[in-house]
């Protein structure tokens, strides 16, 4: 018999109390370990989520940059086409103005150059 806290206990009761204490300590340790494992798992999941979000953001940033670069190339190509078209139009306008001035000069050189109407000489001036 053992005396503990003023109580007399038999060896079997002490053994049962010892086993109960060991089991209680084991359960407490398991709970602490479980909590630590849960926190570790939560941190790992949070890190994986952040990594996935960062990867997704990087992918979309790259797609946007690629799209912006293509838009800039398209804009430059359109500017070149517009400049060539404008130059061609200006050349055509200059040629037409020159032809008109030439026709007016030839018309004025005809006899009775200030007259209106279609006479034989004036018809010959017109482009064929």
N, C-alpha and C. Protein backbone atom coordinates (compact mmCIF):
# COMPACT_ATOMS: atom_id res chain seq x y z
N UNK A 1 0.84 -1.18 0.00
CA UNK A 1 0.00 0.00 0.00
C UNK A 1 0.88 1.24 0.00
N UNK A 2 0.39 2.19 -0.72
CA UNK A 2 1.08 3.46 -0.80
C UNK A 2 0.17 4.54 -0.28
N UNK A 3 0.79 5.54 0.29
CA UNK A 3 -0.01 6.64 0.79
C UNK A 3 0.31 7.84 -0.09
N UNK A 4 -0.74 8.44 -0.65
CA UNK A 4 -0.57 9.57 -1.55
C UNK A 4 -1.61 10.60 -1.18
N UNK A 5 -1.16 11.81 -0.84
CA UNK A 5 -2.04 12.90 -0.46
C UNK A 5 -2.98 12.51 0.67
N UNK A 6 -2.47 11.78 1.58
CA UNK A 6 -3.24 11.39 2.73
C UNK A 6 -4.18 10.23 2.46
N UNK A 7 -4.11 9.63 1.26
CA UNK A 7 -4.95 8.48 0.92
C UNK A 7 -4.08 7.24 0.84
N UNK A 8 -4.62 6.15 1.32
CA UNK A 8 -3.92 4.88 1.22
C UNK A 8 -4.42 4.16 -0.02
N UNK A 9 -3.46 3.87 -0.91
CA UNK A 9 -3.83 3.24 -2.19
C UNK A 9 -3.09 1.91 -2.33
N UNK A 10 -3.77 0.97 -2.93
CA UNK A 10 -3.14 -0.33 -3.16
C UNK A 10 -2.27 -0.23 -4.41
N UNK A 11 -1.42 -1.21 -4.58
CA UNK A 11 -0.52 -1.20 -5.74
C UNK A 11 -1.29 -1.27 -7.04
N UNK A 12 -2.36 -1.97 -7.11
CA UNK A 12 -3.13 -2.08 -8.35
C UNK A 12 -3.77 -0.75 -8.70
N UNK A 13 -4.24 0.00 -7.70
CA UNK A 13 -4.83 1.32 -7.96
C UNK A 13 -3.75 2.26 -8.44
N UNK A 14 -2.58 2.17 -7.82
CA UNK A 14 -1.46 3.03 -8.24
C UNK A 14 -1.08 2.68 -9.68
N UNK A 15 -1.07 1.41 -10.02
CA UNK A 15 -0.73 0.98 -11.38
C UNK A 15 -1.76 1.51 -12.37
N UNK A 16 -3.03 1.41 -12.01
CA UNK A 16 -4.09 1.92 -12.89
C UNK A 16 -3.96 3.42 -13.03
N UNK A 17 -3.69 4.12 -11.92
CA UNK A 17 -3.50 5.58 -12.00
C UNK A 17 -2.28 5.93 -12.86
N UNK A 18 -1.22 5.14 -12.74
CA UNK A 18 -0.01 5.36 -13.55
C UNK A 18 -0.31 5.17 -15.03
N UNK A 19 -1.05 4.11 -15.34
CA UNK A 19 -1.42 3.86 -16.74
C UNK A 19 -2.33 4.98 -17.23
N UNK A 20 -3.27 5.40 -16.41
CA UNK A 20 -4.17 6.49 -16.80
C UNK A 20 -3.39 7.77 -17.04
N UNK A 21 -2.38 8.02 -16.18
CA UNK A 21 -1.55 9.21 -16.35
C UNK A 21 -0.75 9.12 -17.65
N UNK A 22 -0.20 7.97 -17.95
CA UNK A 22 0.57 7.78 -19.19
C UNK A 22 -0.35 7.97 -20.39
N UNK A 23 -1.56 7.40 -20.34
CA UNK A 23 -2.52 7.54 -21.44
C UNK A 23 -2.92 9.00 -21.60
N UNK A 24 -3.16 9.70 -20.48
CA UNK A 24 -3.53 11.12 -20.54
C UNK A 24 -2.40 11.94 -21.15
N UNK A 25 -1.17 11.66 -20.75
CA UNK A 25 -0.02 12.36 -21.33
C UNK A 25 0.11 12.06 -22.82
N UNK A 26 -0.11 10.79 -23.19
CA UNK A 26 -0.04 10.41 -24.60
C UNK A 26 -1.11 11.14 -25.41
N UNK A 27 -2.34 11.22 -24.88
CA UNK A 27 -3.43 11.92 -25.57
C UNK A 27 -3.12 13.41 -25.68
N UNK A 28 -2.59 14.00 -24.62
CA UNK A 28 -2.22 15.42 -24.66
C UNK A 28 -1.12 15.66 -25.68
N UNK A 29 -0.10 14.79 -25.68
CA UNK A 29 0.98 14.92 -26.65
C UNK A 29 0.45 14.77 -28.08
N UNK A 30 -0.44 13.80 -28.27
CA UNK A 30 -1.03 13.58 -29.60
C UNK A 30 -1.83 14.80 -30.04
N UNK A 31 -2.56 15.42 -29.09
CA UNK A 31 -3.34 16.62 -29.43
C UNK A 31 -2.42 17.77 -29.83
N UNK A 32 -1.32 17.94 -29.09
CA UNK A 32 -0.36 19.00 -29.42
C UNK A 32 0.26 18.72 -30.80
N UNK A 33 0.65 17.47 -31.03
CA UNK A 33 1.23 17.11 -32.32
C UNK A 33 0.23 17.29 -33.46
N UNK A 34 -1.02 16.93 -33.19
CA UNK A 34 -2.06 17.08 -34.21
C UNK A 34 -2.24 18.55 -34.54
N UNK A 35 -2.26 19.39 -33.50
CA UNK A 35 -2.41 20.83 -33.73
C UNK A 35 -1.22 21.37 -34.53
N UNK A 36 -0.02 20.94 -34.17
CA UNK A 36 1.17 21.38 -34.89
C UNK A 36 1.13 20.89 -36.34
N UNK A 37 0.71 19.66 -36.53
CA UNK A 37 0.61 19.12 -37.89
C UNK A 37 -0.45 19.88 -38.69
N UNK A 38 -1.55 20.21 -38.04
CA UNK A 38 -2.62 20.96 -38.71
C UNK A 38 -2.11 22.34 -39.11
N UNK A 39 -1.40 23.00 -38.22
CA UNK A 39 -0.86 24.32 -38.55
C UNK A 39 0.15 24.23 -39.68
N UNK A 40 0.99 23.20 -39.63
CA UNK A 40 1.97 23.00 -40.71
C UNK A 40 1.26 22.78 -42.04
N UNK A 41 0.22 21.97 -42.00
CA UNK A 41 -0.55 21.70 -43.22
C UNK A 41 -1.23 22.98 -43.72
N UNK A 42 -1.79 23.76 -42.82
CA UNK A 42 -2.43 25.02 -43.22
C UNK A 42 -1.43 25.97 -43.85
N UNK A 43 -0.22 26.04 -43.26
CA UNK A 43 0.82 26.90 -43.85
C UNK A 43 1.21 26.40 -45.23
N UNK A 44 1.32 25.09 -45.37
CA UNK A 44 1.69 24.52 -46.67
C UNK A 44 0.61 24.80 -47.71
N UNK A 45 -0.64 24.67 -47.32
CA UNK A 45 -1.75 24.95 -48.25
C UNK A 45 -1.77 26.43 -48.62
N UNK A 46 -1.57 27.31 -47.63
CA UNK A 46 -1.54 28.74 -47.90
C UNK A 46 -0.39 29.08 -48.84
N UNK A 47 0.77 28.47 -48.63
CA UNK A 47 1.93 28.72 -49.51
C UNK A 47 1.65 28.21 -50.92
N UNK A 48 1.05 27.02 -51.01
CA UNK A 48 0.72 26.47 -52.33
C UNK A 48 -0.29 27.36 -53.05
N UNK A 49 -1.27 27.88 -52.31
CA UNK A 49 -2.25 28.78 -52.89
C UNK A 49 -1.59 30.05 -53.41
N UNK A 50 -0.69 30.61 -52.60
CA UNK A 50 0.03 31.83 -52.99
C UNK A 50 0.92 31.57 -54.20
N UNK A 51 1.59 30.42 -54.21
CA UNK A 51 2.44 30.07 -55.36
C UNK A 51 1.60 29.92 -56.63
N UNK A 52 0.44 29.27 -56.51
CA UNK A 52 -0.44 29.10 -57.66
C UNK A 52 -0.95 30.45 -58.15
N UNK A 53 -1.33 31.32 -57.22
CA UNK A 53 -1.82 32.66 -57.60
C UNK A 53 -0.71 33.45 -58.29
N UNK A 54 0.51 33.37 -57.76
CA UNK A 54 1.64 34.07 -58.37
C UNK A 54 1.93 33.54 -59.77
N UNK A 55 1.87 32.23 -59.92
CA UNK A 55 2.10 31.63 -61.24
C UNK A 55 1.03 32.07 -62.23
N UNK A 56 -0.21 32.09 -61.77
CA UNK A 56 -1.32 32.52 -62.63
C UNK A 56 -1.16 33.99 -63.01
N UNK A 57 -0.82 34.82 -62.02
CA UNK A 57 -0.60 36.25 -62.30
C UNK A 57 0.54 36.44 -63.30
N UNK A 58 1.61 35.69 -63.12
CA UNK A 58 2.76 35.81 -64.03
C UNK A 58 2.36 35.39 -65.44
N UNK A 59 1.58 34.33 -65.55
CA UNK A 59 1.13 33.86 -66.87
C UNK A 59 0.29 34.92 -67.55
N UNK A 60 -0.65 35.50 -66.82
CA UNK A 60 -1.52 36.51 -67.43
C UNK A 60 -0.76 37.79 -67.73
N UNK A 61 0.22 38.15 -66.87
CA UNK A 61 1.06 39.31 -67.18
C UNK A 61 1.79 39.09 -68.49
N UNK A 62 2.33 37.89 -68.67
CA UNK A 62 3.04 37.56 -69.91
C UNK A 62 2.09 37.62 -71.11
N UNK A 63 0.88 37.09 -70.95
CA UNK A 63 -0.10 37.14 -72.04
C UNK A 63 -0.46 38.58 -72.39
N UNK A 64 -0.63 39.41 -71.38
CA UNK A 64 -0.97 40.82 -71.62
C UNK A 64 0.18 41.54 -72.31
N UNK A 65 1.42 41.27 -71.87
CA UNK A 65 2.58 41.88 -72.51
C UNK A 65 2.68 41.44 -73.97
N UNK A 66 2.43 40.16 -74.21
CA UNK A 66 2.46 39.64 -75.58
C UNK A 66 1.38 40.32 -76.43
N UNK A 67 0.20 40.44 -75.88
CA UNK A 67 -0.90 41.10 -76.59
C UNK A 67 -0.59 42.57 -76.85
N UNK A 68 -0.03 43.25 -75.86
CA UNK A 68 0.33 44.67 -76.04
C UNK A 68 1.41 44.83 -77.11
N UNK A 69 2.38 43.92 -77.12
CA UNK A 69 3.43 43.98 -78.14
C UNK A 69 2.84 43.77 -79.53
N UNK A 70 1.92 42.82 -79.66
CA UNK A 70 1.28 42.57 -80.95
C UNK A 70 0.45 43.78 -81.37
N UNK A 71 -0.24 44.40 -80.43
CA UNK A 71 -1.03 45.60 -80.74
C UNK A 71 -0.12 46.73 -81.20
N UNK A 72 1.04 46.87 -80.57
CA UNK A 72 1.98 47.92 -80.98
C UNK A 72 2.51 47.65 -82.39
N UNK A 73 2.81 46.37 -82.69
CA UNK A 73 3.26 46.02 -84.04
C UNK A 73 2.18 46.30 -85.07
N UNK A 74 0.93 45.93 -84.74
CA UNK A 74 -0.19 46.18 -85.64
C UNK A 74 -0.38 47.67 -85.88
N UNK A 75 -0.26 48.45 -84.82
CA UNK A 75 -0.43 49.89 -84.93
C UNK A 75 0.66 50.49 -85.82
N UNK A 76 1.90 50.03 -85.64
CA UNK A 76 3.00 50.52 -86.47
C UNK A 76 2.78 50.15 -87.94
N UNK A 77 2.32 48.92 -88.18
CA UNK A 77 2.05 48.49 -89.56
C UNK A 77 0.93 49.33 -90.18
N UNK A 78 -0.11 49.60 -89.40
CA UNK A 78 -1.20 50.42 -89.90
C UNK A 78 -0.73 51.84 -90.19
N UNK A 79 0.15 52.37 -89.37
CA UNK A 79 0.70 53.71 -89.60
C UNK A 79 1.49 53.74 -90.90
N UNK A 80 2.28 52.69 -91.15
CA UNK A 80 3.04 52.62 -92.39
C UNK A 80 2.12 52.56 -93.60
N UNK A 81 1.09 51.74 -93.51
CA UNK A 81 0.13 51.63 -94.62
C UNK A 81 -0.56 52.97 -94.84
N UNK A 82 -0.93 53.63 -93.77
CA UNK A 82 -1.60 54.94 -93.89
C UNK A 82 -0.67 55.96 -94.53
N UNK A 83 0.61 55.95 -94.15
CA UNK A 83 1.57 56.90 -94.72
C UNK A 83 1.77 56.64 -96.21
N UNK A 84 1.89 55.36 -96.60
CA UNK A 84 2.03 55.03 -98.02
C UNK A 84 0.79 55.43 -98.80
N UNK A 85 -0.38 55.15 -98.23
CA UNK A 85 -1.64 55.50 -98.91
C UNK A 85 -1.76 57.01 -99.06
N UNK A 86 -1.40 57.75 -98.00
CA UNK A 86 -1.46 59.20 -98.07
C UNK A 86 -0.50 59.73 -99.13
N UNK A 87 0.72 59.17 -99.19
CA UNK A 87 1.70 59.60 -100.19
C UNK A 87 1.19 59.31 -101.60
N UNK A 88 0.59 58.14 -101.81
CA UNK A 88 0.03 57.80 -103.12
C UNK A 88 -1.10 58.75 -103.49
N UNK A 89 -1.97 59.04 -102.52
CA UNK A 89 -3.09 59.94 -102.78
C UNK A 89 -2.58 61.34 -103.11
N UNK A 90 -1.59 61.81 -102.37
CA UNK A 90 -1.04 63.15 -102.64
C UNK A 90 -0.38 63.20 -104.02
N UNK A 91 0.31 62.11 -104.41
CA UNK A 91 0.92 62.05 -105.74
C UNK A 91 -0.16 62.07 -106.82
N UNK A 92 -1.22 61.32 -106.61
CA UNK A 92 -2.33 61.28 -107.57
C UNK A 92 -2.99 62.64 -107.68
N UNK A 93 -3.21 63.30 -106.56
CA UNK A 93 -3.82 64.64 -106.56
C UNK A 93 -2.91 65.63 -107.31
N UNK A 94 -1.61 65.54 -107.04
CA UNK A 94 -0.67 66.44 -107.73
C UNK A 94 -0.69 66.19 -109.23
N UNK A 95 -0.73 64.92 -109.64
CA UNK A 95 -0.78 64.59 -111.07
C UNK A 95 -2.07 65.11 -111.70
N UNK A 96 -3.18 64.95 -110.99
CA UNK A 96 -4.47 65.44 -111.53
C UNK A 96 -4.48 66.96 -111.63
N UNK A 97 -3.92 67.64 -110.62
CA UNK A 97 -3.86 69.11 -110.66
C UNK A 97 -2.97 69.56 -111.83
N UNK A 98 -1.87 68.85 -112.04
CA UNK A 98 -0.97 69.19 -113.15
C UNK A 98 -1.68 68.98 -114.48
N UNK A 99 -2.41 67.85 -114.58
CA UNK A 99 -3.15 67.58 -115.83
C UNK A 99 -4.21 68.65 -116.05
N UNK A 100 -4.89 69.06 -114.99
CA UNK A 100 -5.92 70.09 -115.11
C UNK A 100 -5.31 71.42 -115.54
N UNK A 101 -4.20 71.79 -114.93
CA UNK A 101 -3.52 73.03 -115.30
C UNK A 101 -3.08 72.97 -116.76
N UNK A 102 -2.55 71.83 -117.19
CA UNK A 102 -2.12 71.66 -118.58
C UNK A 102 -3.31 71.79 -119.53
N UNK A 103 -4.44 71.15 -119.17
CA UNK A 103 -5.65 71.24 -120.00
C UNK A 103 -6.15 72.68 -120.08
N UNK A 104 -6.13 73.38 -118.96
CA UNK A 104 -6.59 74.77 -118.94
C UNK A 104 -5.69 75.65 -119.80
N UNK A 105 -4.39 75.35 -119.74
CA UNK A 105 -3.44 76.12 -120.56
C UNK A 105 -3.70 75.85 -122.05
N UNK A 106 -3.89 74.59 -122.42
CA UNK A 106 -4.17 74.24 -123.81
C UNK A 106 -5.50 74.84 -124.26
N UNK A 107 -6.47 74.84 -123.38
CA UNK A 107 -7.78 75.39 -123.71
C UNK A 107 -7.66 76.89 -123.94
N UNK A 108 -6.90 77.56 -123.11
CA UNK A 108 -6.73 79.00 -123.25
C UNK A 108 -5.97 79.35 -124.54
N UNK A 109 -5.11 78.43 -125.01
CA UNK A 109 -4.32 78.68 -126.22
C UNK A 109 -5.16 78.51 -127.49
N UNK A 110 -6.30 77.86 -127.40
CA UNK A 110 -7.16 77.69 -128.58
C UNK A 110 -7.76 79.03 -128.97
N UNK A 111 -8.13 79.16 -130.26
CA UNK A 111 -8.83 80.39 -130.64
C UNK A 111 -10.14 80.48 -129.87
N UNK A 112 -10.46 81.64 -129.45
CA UNK A 112 -11.66 81.88 -128.64
C UNK A 112 -11.58 81.07 -127.35
N UNK A 113 -10.44 81.13 -126.64
CA UNK A 113 -10.18 80.36 -125.42
C UNK A 113 -11.11 80.69 -124.27
N UNK A 114 -11.78 81.83 -124.35
CA UNK A 114 -12.66 82.19 -123.25
C UNK A 114 -14.08 81.70 -123.47
N UNK A 115 -14.31 81.01 -124.56
CA UNK A 115 -15.66 80.52 -124.86
C UNK A 115 -15.93 79.20 -124.14
N UNK A 116 -17.16 78.88 -124.04
CA UNK A 116 -17.57 77.61 -123.44
C UNK A 116 -18.10 76.73 -124.55
N UNK A 117 -18.26 75.49 -124.25
CA UNK A 117 -18.83 74.55 -125.19
C UNK A 117 -17.79 73.60 -125.74
N UNK A 118 -18.25 72.63 -126.50
CA UNK A 118 -17.37 71.61 -127.05
C UNK A 118 -17.15 71.89 -128.54
N UNK A 119 -15.98 72.34 -128.82
CA UNK A 119 -15.58 72.47 -130.22
C UNK A 119 -14.57 71.37 -130.49
N UNK A 120 -14.24 71.22 -131.74
CA UNK A 120 -13.34 70.15 -132.15
C UNK A 120 -11.99 70.23 -131.43
N UNK A 121 -11.39 71.35 -131.32
CA UNK A 121 -10.08 71.50 -130.66
C UNK A 121 -10.14 71.20 -129.17
N UNK A 122 -11.27 71.59 -128.57
CA UNK A 122 -11.42 71.35 -127.13
C UNK A 122 -11.62 69.85 -126.85
N UNK A 123 -12.32 69.20 -127.72
CA UNK A 123 -12.55 67.74 -127.54
C UNK A 123 -11.23 67.00 -127.63
N UNK A 124 -10.34 67.46 -128.51
CA UNK A 124 -9.04 66.79 -128.65
C UNK A 124 -8.19 66.95 -127.39
N UNK A 125 -8.42 68.00 -126.60
CA UNK A 125 -7.65 68.21 -125.37
C UNK A 125 -8.03 67.17 -124.30
N UNK A 126 -9.26 66.74 -124.29
CA UNK A 126 -9.74 65.83 -123.25
C UNK A 126 -8.96 64.51 -123.29
N UNK A 127 -8.75 63.94 -122.13
CA UNK A 127 -8.02 62.65 -122.11
C UNK A 127 -8.83 61.57 -122.81
N UNK A 128 -8.14 60.71 -123.48
CA UNK A 128 -8.79 59.63 -124.26
C UNK A 128 -9.17 58.49 -123.37
